[in-house]
Amino acid sequence: MSEEVKSPCISVCVLNEDDVCEGCYRTAQEITDWSQLSNEQKQLVMKHVKERFKKLNKHLLL
């Protein structure tokens, strides 16, 4: 059994115009559903989080 995926929440809860949290990069729906998701579903959300972070922070990436 794999280790439980932890929430990426950093307590900076501000949704942008695309309904994505500027703190953890999850959508409002992903945040709402988080506690009910399986570990595999959480891993998929985290994959999307990483993609959103890269897309929204291109100016920070070297």
PDB file of N, CA and C in Angstrom:
ATOM      1  N   MET A   1       0.845  -1.184   0.000  1.00  0.00           N
ATOM      2  CA  MET A   1       0.000   0.000   0.000  1.00  0.00           C
ATOM      3  C   MET A   1       0.888   1.244   0.000  1.00  0.00           C
ATOM      4  N   SER A   2       0.568   2.205  -0.850  1.00  0.00           N
ATOM      5  CA  SER A   2       1.373   3.422  -0.928  1.00  0.00           C
ATOM      6  C   SER A   2       0.951   4.415   0.153  1.00  0.00           C
ATOM      7  N   GLU A   3       1.869   5.329   0.444  1.00  0.00           N
ATOM      8  CA  GLU A   3       1.626   6.341   1.465  1.00  0.00           C
ATOM      9  C   GLU A   3       0.532   7.299   1.011  1.00  0.00           C
ATOM     10  N   GLU A   4      -0.284   7.732   1.949  1.00  0.00           N
ATOM     11  CA  GLU A   4      -1.379   8.662   1.658  1.00  0.00           C
ATOM     12  C   GLU A   4      -0.831   9.969   1.087  1.00  0.00           C
ATOM     13  N   VAL A   5      -1.438  10.436   0.006  1.00  0.00           N
ATOM     14  CA  VAL A   5      -1.045  11.705  -0.605  1.00  0.00           C
ATOM     15  C   VAL A   5      -1.557  12.829   0.288  1.00  0.00           C
ATOM     16  N   LYS A   6      -0.668  13.708   0.686  1.00  0.00           N
ATOM     17  CA  LYS A   6      -1.042  14.824   1.559  1.00  0.00           C
ATOM     18  C   LYS A   6      -1.560  15.995   0.741  1.00  0.00           C
ATOM     19  N   SER A   7      -2.439  16.739   1.345  1.00  0.00           N
ATOM     20  CA  SER A   7      -2.990  17.931   0.709  1.00  0.00           C
ATOM     21  C   SER A   7      -1.879  18.946   0.446  1.00  0.00           C
ATOM     22  N   PRO A   8      -1.911  19.585  -0.719  1.00  0.00           N
ATOM     23  CA  PRO A   8      -0.913  20.615  -1.027  1.00  0.00           C
ATOM     24  C   PRO A   8      -1.272  21.979  -0.445  1.00  0.00           C
ATOM     25  N   CYS A   9      -2.328  22.049   0.345  1.00  0.00           N
ATOM     26  CA  CYS A   9      -2.785  23.326   0.903  1.00  0.00           C
ATOM     27  C   CYS A   9      -1.693  23.995   1.726  1.00  0.00           C
ATOM     28  N   ILE A  10      -1.493  25.304   1.461  1.00  0.00           N
ATOM     29  CA  ILE A  10      -0.527  26.088   2.247  1.00  0.00           C
ATOM     30  C   ILE A  10      -1.240  27.249   2.945  1.00  0.00           C
ATOM     31  N   SER A  11      -2.537  27.161   3.056  1.00  0.00           N
ATOM     32  CA  SER A  11      -3.380  28.164   3.729  1.00  0.00           C
ATOM     33  C   SER A  11      -3.309  29.540   3.084  1.00  0.00           C
ATOM     34  N   VAL A  12      -3.155  29.559   1.778  1.00  0.00           N
ATOM     35  CA  VAL A  12      -3.258  30.783   0.978  1.00  0.00           C
ATOM     36  C   VAL A  12      -4.414  30.524   0.017  1.00  0.00           C
ATOM     37  N   CYS A  13      -5.616  30.705   0.523  1.00  0.00           N
ATOM     38  CA  CYS A  13      -6.822  30.280  -0.194  1.00  0.00           C
ATOM     39  C   CYS A  13      -7.454  31.435  -0.954  1.00  0.00           C
ATOM     40  N   VAL A  14      -6.979  31.635  -2.179  1.00  0.00           N
ATOM     41  CA  VAL A  14      -7.488  32.689  -3.044  1.00  0.00           C
ATOM     42  C   VAL A  14      -7.706  32.078  -4.424  1.00  0.00           C
ATOM     43  N   LEU A  15      -8.951  32.089  -4.885  1.00  0.00           N
ATOM     44  CA  LEU A  15      -9.248  31.546  -6.206  1.00  0.00           C
ATOM     45  C   LEU A  15      -9.073  32.621  -7.266  1.00  0.00           C
ATOM     46  N   ASN A  16      -8.389  32.263  -8.357  1.00  0.00           N
ATOM     47  CA  ASN A  16      -8.225  33.206  -9.461  1.00  0.00           C
ATOM     48  C   ASN A  16      -9.448  33.151 -10.370  1.00  0.00           C
ATOM     49  N   GLU A  17      -9.399  33.882 -11.469  1.00  0.00           N
ATOM     50  CA  GLU A  17     -10.544  33.949 -12.384  1.00  0.00           C
ATOM     51  C   GLU A  17     -10.866  32.611 -13.047  1.00  0.00           C
ATOM     52  N   ASP A  18      -9.918  31.667 -13.014  1.00  0.00           N
ATOM     53  CA  ASP A  18     -10.151  30.334 -13.572  1.00  0.00           C
ATOM     54  C   ASP A  18     -10.586  29.329 -12.511  1.00  0.00           C
ATOM     55  N   ASP A  19     -10.898  29.812 -11.303  1.00  0.00           N
ATOM     56  CA  ASP A  19     -11.344  28.973 -10.192  1.00  0.00           C
ATOM     57  C   ASP A  19     -10.238  28.052  -9.690  1.00  0.00           C
ATOM     58  N   VAL A  20      -8.990  28.514  -9.803  1.00  0.00           N
ATOM     59  CA  VAL A  20      -7.825  27.764  -9.337  1.00  0.00           C
ATOM     60  C   VAL A  20      -7.239  28.508  -8.141  1.00  0.00           C
ATOM     61  N   CYS A  21      -6.961  27.776  -7.075  1.00  0.00           N
ATOM     62  CA  CYS A  21      -6.387  28.376  -5.879  1.00  0.00           C
ATOM     63  C   CYS A  21      -4.956  28.823  -6.163  1.00  0.00           C
ATOM     64  N   GLU A  22      -4.635  30.054  -5.789  1.00  0.00           N
ATOM     65  CA  GLU A  22      -3.301  30.595  -6.021  1.00  0.00           C
ATOM     66  C   GLU A  22      -2.284  30.086  -4.994  1.00  0.00           C
ATOM     67  N   GLY A  23      -2.753  29.363  -3.996  1.00  0.00           N
ATOM     68  CA  GLY A  23      -1.853  28.781  -3.002  1.00  0.00           C
ATOM     69  C   GLY A  23      -1.446  27.357  -3.330  1.00  0.00           C
ATOM     70  N   CYS A  24      -2.434  26.523  -3.678  1.00  0.00           N
ATOM     71  CA  CYS A  24      -2.138  25.098  -3.896  1.00  0.00           C
ATOM     72  C   CYS A  24      -2.342  24.636  -5.336  1.00  0.00           C
ATOM     73  N   TYR A  25      -2.907  25.505  -6.158  1.00  0.00           N
ATOM     74  CA  TYR A  25      -3.118  25.223  -7.596  1.00  0.00           C
ATOM     75  C   TYR A  25      -4.132  24.116  -7.871  1.00  0.00           C
ATOM     76  N   ARG A  26      -5.002  23.860  -6.900  1.00  0.00           N
ATOM     77  CA  ARG A  26      -6.128  22.958  -7.157  1.00  0.00           C
ATOM     78  C   ARG A  26      -7.331  23.801  -7.555  1.00  0.00           C
ATOM     79  N   THR A  27      -8.234  23.185  -8.307  1.00  0.00           N
ATOM     80  CA  THR A  27      -9.487  23.859  -8.616  1.00  0.00           C
ATOM     81  C   THR A  27     -10.376  23.814  -7.379  1.00  0.00           C
ATOM     82  N   ALA A  28     -11.386  24.667  -7.354  1.00  0.00           N
ATOM     83  CA  ALA A  28     -12.325  24.670  -6.231  1.00  0.00           C
ATOM     84  C   ALA A  28     -12.966  23.289  -6.074  1.00  0.00           C
ATOM     85  N   GLN A  29     -13.277  22.644  -7.189  1.00  0.00           N
ATOM     86  CA  GLN A  29     -13.894  21.313  -7.127  1.00  0.00           C
ATOM     87  C   GLN A  29     -12.918  20.283  -6.552  1.00  0.00           C
ATOM     88  N   GLU A  30     -11.664  20.351  -6.942  1.00  0.00           N
ATOM     89  CA  GLU A  30     -10.662  19.428  -6.404  1.00  0.00           C
ATOM     90  C   GLU A  30     -10.483  19.621  -4.903  1.00  0.00           C
ATOM     91  N   ILE A  31     -10.515  20.869  -4.457  1.00  0.00           N
ATOM     92  CA  ILE A  31     -10.402  21.152  -3.032  1.00  0.00           C
ATOM     93  C   ILE A  31     -11.597  20.562  -2.292  1.00  0.00           C
ATOM     94  N   THR A  32     -12.783  20.786  -2.828  1.00  0.00           N
ATOM     95  CA  THR A  32     -14.007  20.275  -2.211  1.00  0.00           C
ATOM     96  C   THR A  32     -14.007  18.755  -2.136  1.00  0.00           C
ATOM     97  N   ASP A  33     -13.543  18.106  -3.180  1.00  0.00           N
ATOM     98  CA  ASP A  33     -13.581  16.640  -3.277  1.00  0.00           C
ATOM     99  C   ASP A  33     -12.423  15.948  -2.571  1.00  0.00           C
ATOM    100  N   TRP A  34     -11.363  16.667  -2.215  1.00  0.00           N
ATOM    101  CA  TRP A  34     -10.107  16.072  -1.765  1.00  0.00           C
ATOM    102  C   TRP A  34     -10.285  14.963  -0.733  1.00  0.00           C
ATOM    103  N   SER A  35     -11.037  15.194   0.303  1.00  0.00           N
ATOM    104  CA  SER A  35     -11.153  14.217   1.392  1.00  0.00           C
ATOM    105  C   SER A  35     -11.870  12.940   0.968  1.00  0.00           C
ATOM    106  N   GLN A  36     -12.585  12.987  -0.141  1.00  0.00           N
ATOM    107  CA  GLN A  36     -13.318  11.811  -0.623  1.00  0.00           C
ATOM    108  C   GLN A  36     -12.576  11.052  -1.730  1.00  0.00           C
ATOM    109  N   LEU A  37     -11.465  11.600  -2.202  1.00  0.00           N
ATOM    110  CA  LEU A  37     -10.729  10.983  -3.306  1.00  0.00           C
ATOM    111  C   LEU A  37      -9.886   9.808  -2.828  1.00  0.00           C
ATOM    112  N   SER A  38      -9.709   8.849  -3.710  1.00  0.00           N
ATOM    113  CA  SER A  38      -8.791   7.740  -3.430  1.00  0.00           C
ATOM    114  C   SER A  38      -7.361   8.266  -3.574  1.00  0.00           C
ATOM    115  N   ASN A  39      -6.413   7.511  -3.095  1.00  0.00           N
ATOM    116  CA  ASN A  39      -5.016   7.906  -3.206  1.00  0.00           C
ATOM    117  C   ASN A  39      -4.609   8.072  -4.677  1.00  0.00           C
ATOM    118  N   GLU A  40      -5.109   7.198  -5.529  1.00  0.00           N
ATOM    119  CA  GLU A  40      -4.801   7.269  -6.957  1.00  0.00           C
ATOM    120  C   GLU A  40      -5.377   8.552  -7.566  1.00  0.00           C
ATOM    121  N   GLN A  41      -6.588   8.909  -7.153  1.00  0.00           N
ATOM    122  CA  GLN A  41      -7.206  10.136  -7.651  1.00  0.00           C
ATOM    123  C   GLN A  41      -6.436  11.361  -7.157  1.00  0.00           C
ATOM    124  N   LYS A  42      -5.973  11.319  -5.914  1.00  0.00           N
ATOM    125  CA  LYS A  42      -5.171  12.420  -5.373  1.00  0.00           C
ATOM    126  C   LYS A  42      -3.865  12.562  -6.145  1.00  0.00           C
ATOM    127  N   GLN A  43      -3.263  11.442  -6.532  1.00  0.00           N
ATOM    128  CA  GLN A  43      -2.030  11.490  -7.328  1.00  0.00           C
ATOM    129  C   GLN A  43      -2.291  12.170  -8.665  1.00  0.00           C
ATOM    130  N   LEU A  44      -3.433  11.892  -9.266  1.00  0.00           N
ATOM    131  CA  LEU A  44      -3.791  12.525 -10.530  1.00  0.00           C
ATOM    132  C   LEU A  44      -4.000  14.030 -10.334  1.00  0.00           C
ATOM    133  N   VAL A  45      -4.678  14.407  -9.251  1.00  0.00           N
ATOM    134  CA  VAL A  45      -4.858  15.823  -8.949  1.00  0.00           C
ATOM    135  C   VAL A  45      -3.494  16.494  -8.802  1.00  0.00           C
ATOM    136  N   MET A  46      -2.566  15.842  -8.107  1.00  0.00           N
ATOM    137  CA  MET A  46      -1.241  16.414  -7.900  1.00  0.00           C
ATOM    138  C   MET A  46      -0.493  16.578  -9.218  1.00  0.00           C
ATOM    139  N   LYS A  47      -0.717  15.678 -10.149  1.00  0.00           N
ATOM    140  CA  LYS A  47      -0.127  15.817 -11.489  1.00  0.00           C
ATOM    141  C   LYS A  47      -0.666  17.085 -12.149  1.00  0.00           C
ATOM    142  N   HIS A  48      -1.970  17.300 -12.033  1.00  0.00           N
ATOM    143  CA  HIS A  48      -2.588  18.497 -12.607  1.00  0.00           C
ATOM    144  C   HIS A  48      -2.094  19.753 -11.893  1.00  0.00           C
ATOM    145  N   VAL A  49      -1.902  19.662 -10.571  1.00  0.00           N
ATOM    146  CA  VAL A  49      -1.384  20.784  -9.792  1.00  0.00           C
ATOM    147  C   VAL A  49      -0.015  21.207 -10.323  1.00  0.00           C
ATOM    148  N   LYS A  50       0.859  20.241 -10.560  1.00  0.00           N
ATOM    149  CA  LYS A  50       2.201  20.541 -11.062  1.00  0.00           C
ATOM    150  C   LYS A  50       2.131  21.193 -12.445  1.00  0.00           C
ATOM    151  N   GLU A  51       1.227  20.707 -13.288  1.00  0.00           N
ATOM    152  CA  GLU A  51       1.071  21.284 -14.625  1.00  0.00           C
ATOM    153  C   GLU A  51       0.554  22.720 -14.540  1.00  0.00           C
ATOM    154  N   ARG A  52      -0.425  22.950 -13.655  1.00  0.00           N
ATOM    155  CA  ARG A  52      -0.957  24.312 -13.490  1.00  0.00           C
ATOM    156  C   ARG A  52       0.113  25.254 -12.946  1.00  0.00           C
ATOM    157  N   PHE A  53       0.889  24.779 -11.978  1.00  0.00           N
ATOM    158  CA  PHE A  53       1.946  25.605 -11.412  1.00  0.00           C
ATOM    159  C   PHE A  53       2.903  26.056 -12.511  1.00  0.00           C
ATOM    160  N   LYS A  54       3.333  25.118 -13.342  1.00  0.00           N
ATOM    161  CA  LYS A  54       4.261  25.455 -14.428  1.00  0.00           C
ATOM    162  C   LYS A  54       3.637  26.451 -15.400  1.00  0.00           C
ATOM    163  N   LYS A  55       2.378  26.231 -15.737  1.00  0.00           N
ATOM    164  CA  LYS A  55       1.695  27.105 -16.691  1.00  0.00           C
ATOM    165  C   LYS A  55       1.515  28.517 -16.116  1.00  0.00           C
ATOM    166  N   LEU A  56       1.131  28.606 -14.850  1.00  0.00           N
ATOM    167  CA  LEU A  56       0.829  29.895 -14.246  1.00  0.00           C
ATOM    168  C   LEU A  56       2.064  30.631 -13.730  1.00  0.00           C
ATOM    169  N   ASN A  57       3.197  29.948 -13.685  1.00  0.00           N
ATOM    170  CA  ASN A  57       4.419  30.561 -13.147  1.00  0.00           C
ATOM    171  C   ASN A  57       5.578  30.474 -14.121  1.00  0.00           C
ATOM    172  N   LYS A  58       5.294  30.559 -15.406  1.00  0.00           N
ATOM    173  CA  LYS A  58       6.356  30.488 -16.414  1.00  0.00           C
ATOM    174  C   LYS A  58       7.447  31.514 -16.150  1.00  0.00           C
ATOM    175  N   HIS A  59       7.059  32.659 -15.633  1.00  0.00           N
ATOM    176  CA  HIS A  59       8.024  33.728 -15.368  1.00  0.00           C
ATOM    177  C   HIS A  59       8.997  33.372 -14.245  1.00  0.00           C
ATOM    178  N   LEU A  60       8.672  32.360 -13.425  1.00  0.00           N
ATOM    179  CA  LEU A  60       9.548  31.958 -12.320  1.00  0.00           C
ATOM    180  C   LEU A  60      10.495  30.832 -12.704  1.00  0.00           C
ATOM    181  N   LEU A  61      10.169  30.128 -13.769  1.00  0.00           N
ATOM    182  CA  LEU A  61      10.948  28.958 -14.147  1.00  0.00           C
ATOM    183  C   LEU A  61      12.143  29.353 -14.995  1.00  0.00           C
ATOM    184  N   LEU A  62      13.258  28.763 -14.681  1.00  0.00           N
ATOM    185  CA  LEU A  62      14.485  29.071 -15.427  1.00  0.00           C
ATOM    186  C   LEU A  62      14.713  28.051 -16.518  1.00  0.00           C
TER     187      LEU A  62
END
